[in-house]
Amino acid sequence: MKDTKMIELLSYVKLSTYRVKVLLALNKQKKLVLASELSKIIDIRITHIGATLKELTDKELACCPNPDVKRGKLYEITEKGKKIANYIES
């Protein structure tokens, strides 16, 4: 990983254990997931999951295909997020 932007993103993710856990959990999902499902999978409070998902979507590491709904937002990892997650797992 030699791209400066990717290195900055990797550093950003690794500065928070929540970001790492959420990104890795998203990477393992084969489908769109709710924040509440991620909360149960990685045993982190839903409020922390919501804030972390917002951070990851702001950095384009995750995306929400239905951002206009108040409840029931779905999330998935982006290609950029997959690269970071795979690097962390290796």
C-alpha atoms as a PDB file:
ATOM      1  CA  MET A   1       0.000   0.000   0.000  1.00  0.00           C
ATOM      2  CA  LYS A   2       1.933   2.989  -1.273  1.00  0.00           C
ATOM      3  CA  ASP A   3      -0.829   5.435  -2.136  1.00  0.00           C
ATOM      4  CA  THR A   4      -0.651   8.372   0.295  1.00  0.00           C
ATOM      5  CA  LYS A   5      -4.435   8.750   0.518  1.00  0.00           C
ATOM      6  CA  MET A   6      -4.882   5.066   1.307  1.00  0.00           C
ATOM      7  CA  ILE A   7      -2.181   5.266   3.991  1.00  0.00           C
ATOM      8  CA  GLU A   8      -3.976   8.247   5.543  1.00  0.00           C
ATOM      9  CA  LEU A   9      -7.259   6.310   5.511  1.00  0.00           C
ATOM     10  CA  LEU A  10      -5.588   3.274   7.058  1.00  0.00           C
ATOM     11  CA  SER A  11      -4.187   5.462   9.826  1.00  0.00           C
ATOM     12  CA  TYR A  12      -7.610   7.077  10.351  1.00  0.00           C
ATOM     13  CA  VAL A  13      -9.308   3.691  10.704  1.00  0.00           C
ATOM     14  CA  LYS A  14      -6.650   2.220  12.990  1.00  0.00           C
ATOM     15  CA  LEU A  15      -6.889   5.163  15.404  1.00  0.00           C
ATOM     16  CA  SER A  16     -10.274   3.840  16.570  1.00  0.00           C
ATOM     17  CA  THR A  17     -11.000   0.276  17.642  1.00  0.00           C
ATOM     18  CA  TYR A  18     -14.664   0.895  16.782  1.00  0.00           C
ATOM     19  CA  ARG A  19     -13.765   1.886  13.218  1.00  0.00           C
ATOM     20  CA  VAL A  20     -11.638  -1.232  12.834  1.00  0.00           C
ATOM     21  CA  LYS A  21     -14.328  -3.534  14.238  1.00  0.00           C
ATOM     22  CA  VAL A  22     -17.147  -2.017  12.175  1.00  0.00           C
ATOM     23  CA  LEU A  23     -15.128  -1.998   8.948  1.00  0.00           C
ATOM     24  CA  LEU A  24     -14.039  -5.622   9.412  1.00  0.00           C
ATOM     25  CA  ALA A  25     -17.606  -6.673  10.248  1.00  0.00           C
ATOM     26  CA  LEU A  26     -18.906  -4.934   7.118  1.00  0.00           C
ATOM     27  CA  ASN A  27     -16.213  -6.670   5.083  1.00  0.00           C
ATOM     28  CA  LYS A  28     -17.465 -10.075   6.246  1.00  0.00           C
ATOM     29  CA  GLN A  29     -21.100  -9.376   5.324  1.00  0.00           C
ATOM     30  CA  LYS A  30     -22.349 -10.616   1.967  1.00  0.00           C
ATOM     31  CA  LYS A  31     -25.444  -8.408   2.073  1.00  0.00           C
ATOM     32  CA  LEU A  32     -26.647  -5.000   3.188  1.00  0.00           C
ATOM     33  CA  VAL A  33     -26.884  -4.744   6.978  1.00  0.00           C
ATOM     34  CA  LEU A  34     -28.634  -2.557   9.513  1.00  0.00           C
ATOM     35  CA  ALA A  35     -26.682  -0.766  12.227  1.00  0.00           C
ATOM     36  CA  SER A  36     -28.581  -2.846  14.797  1.00  0.00           C
ATOM     37  CA  GLU A  37     -27.375  -6.068  13.135  1.00  0.00           C
ATOM     38  CA  LEU A  38     -23.774  -4.862  13.274  1.00  0.00           C
ATOM     39  CA  SER A  39     -24.283  -3.934  16.915  1.00  0.00           C
ATOM     40  CA  LYS A  40     -25.250  -7.525  17.720  1.00  0.00           C
ATOM     41  CA  ILE A  41     -22.472  -9.038  15.602  1.00  0.00           C
ATOM     42  CA  ILE A  42     -19.621  -7.099  17.209  1.00  0.00           C
ATOM     43  CA  ASP A  43     -21.217  -6.358  20.594  1.00  0.00           C
ATOM     44  CA  ILE A  44     -20.921  -2.569  20.530  1.00  0.00           C
ATOM     45  CA  ARG A  45     -23.722  -0.208  21.548  1.00  0.00           C
ATOM     46  CA  ILE A  46     -25.901   0.999  18.700  1.00  0.00           C
ATOM     47  CA  THR A  47     -25.066   4.665  19.384  1.00  0.00           C
ATOM     48  CA  HIS A  48     -21.374   3.960  18.821  1.00  0.00           C
ATOM     49  CA  ILE A  49     -22.163   1.924  15.707  1.00  0.00           C
ATOM     50  CA  GLY A  50     -24.234   4.775  14.254  1.00  0.00           C
ATOM     51  CA  ALA A  51     -21.513   7.353  14.867  1.00  0.00           C
ATOM     52  CA  THR A  52     -18.831   5.046  13.473  1.00  0.00           C
ATOM     53  CA  LEU A  53     -20.865   4.264  10.354  1.00  0.00           C
ATOM     54  CA  LYS A  54     -21.273   7.994   9.747  1.00  0.00           C
ATOM     55  CA  GLU A  55     -17.496   8.460  10.030  1.00  0.00           C
ATOM     56  CA  LEU A  56     -16.864   5.583   7.622  1.00  0.00           C
ATOM     57  CA  THR A  57     -19.427   6.825   5.106  1.00  0.00           C
ATOM     58  CA  ASP A  58     -17.961  10.348   5.285  1.00  0.00           C
ATOM     59  CA  LYS A  59     -14.569   8.858   4.337  1.00  0.00           C
ATOM     60  CA  GLU A  60     -16.233   6.715   1.614  1.00  0.00           C
ATOM     61  CA  LEU A  61     -15.194   3.447   3.279  1.00  0.00           C
ATOM     62  CA  ALA A  62     -18.825   2.420   3.689  1.00  0.00           C
ATOM     63  CA  CYS A  63     -21.994   3.526   1.948  1.00  0.00           C
ATOM     64  CA  CYS A  64     -25.664   3.811   2.731  1.00  0.00           C
ATOM     65  CA  PRO A  65     -27.841   3.209  -0.344  1.00  0.00           C
ATOM     66  CA  ASN A  66     -30.949   4.559   1.434  1.00  0.00           C
ATOM     67  CA  PRO A  67     -29.698   7.691   3.275  1.00  0.00           C
ATOM     68  CA  ASP A  68     -33.057   9.493   3.216  1.00  0.00           C
ATOM     69  CA  VAL A  69     -34.853   7.112   5.581  1.00  0.00           C
ATOM     70  CA  LYS A  70     -34.915   7.930   9.283  1.00  0.00           C
ATOM     71  CA  ARG A  71     -34.980   4.323  10.500  1.00  0.00           C
ATOM     72  CA  GLY A  72     -33.737   1.197   8.811  1.00  0.00           C
ATOM     73  CA  LYS A  73     -30.678   2.568   7.032  1.00  0.00           C
ATOM     74  CA  LEU A  74     -28.729  -0.158   5.308  1.00  0.00           C
ATOM     75  CA  TYR A  75     -24.953  -0.192   4.977  1.00  0.00           C
ATOM     76  CA  GLU A  76     -22.301  -1.959   2.950  1.00  0.00           C
ATOM     77  CA  ILE A  77     -18.568  -1.663   2.519  1.00  0.00           C
ATOM     78  CA  THR A  78     -17.126   0.147  -0.508  1.00  0.00           C
ATOM     79  CA  GLU A  79     -14.222  -1.020  -2.677  1.00  0.00           C
ATOM     80  CA  LYS A  80     -11.978   1.477  -0.886  1.00  0.00           C
ATOM     81  CA  GLY A  81     -13.189   0.096   2.441  1.00  0.00           C
ATOM     82  CA  LYS A  82     -12.501  -3.473   1.295  1.00  0.00           C
ATOM     83  CA  LYS A  83      -8.901  -2.570   0.471  1.00  0.00           C
ATOM     84  CA  ILE A  84      -8.377  -1.093   3.930  1.00  0.00           C
ATOM     85  CA  ALA A  85     -10.127  -4.012   5.683  1.00  0.00           C
ATOM     86  CA  ASN A  86      -8.147  -6.603   3.721  1.00  0.00           C
ATOM     87  CA  TYR A  87      -4.903  -4.822   4.580  1.00  0.00           C
ATOM     88  CA  ILE A  88      -5.823  -4.789   8.282  1.00  0.00           C
ATOM     89  CA  GLU A  89      -6.722  -8.501   8.198  1.00  0.00           C
ATOM     90  CA  SER A  90      -3.507  -9.542   6.421  1.00  0.00           C
END
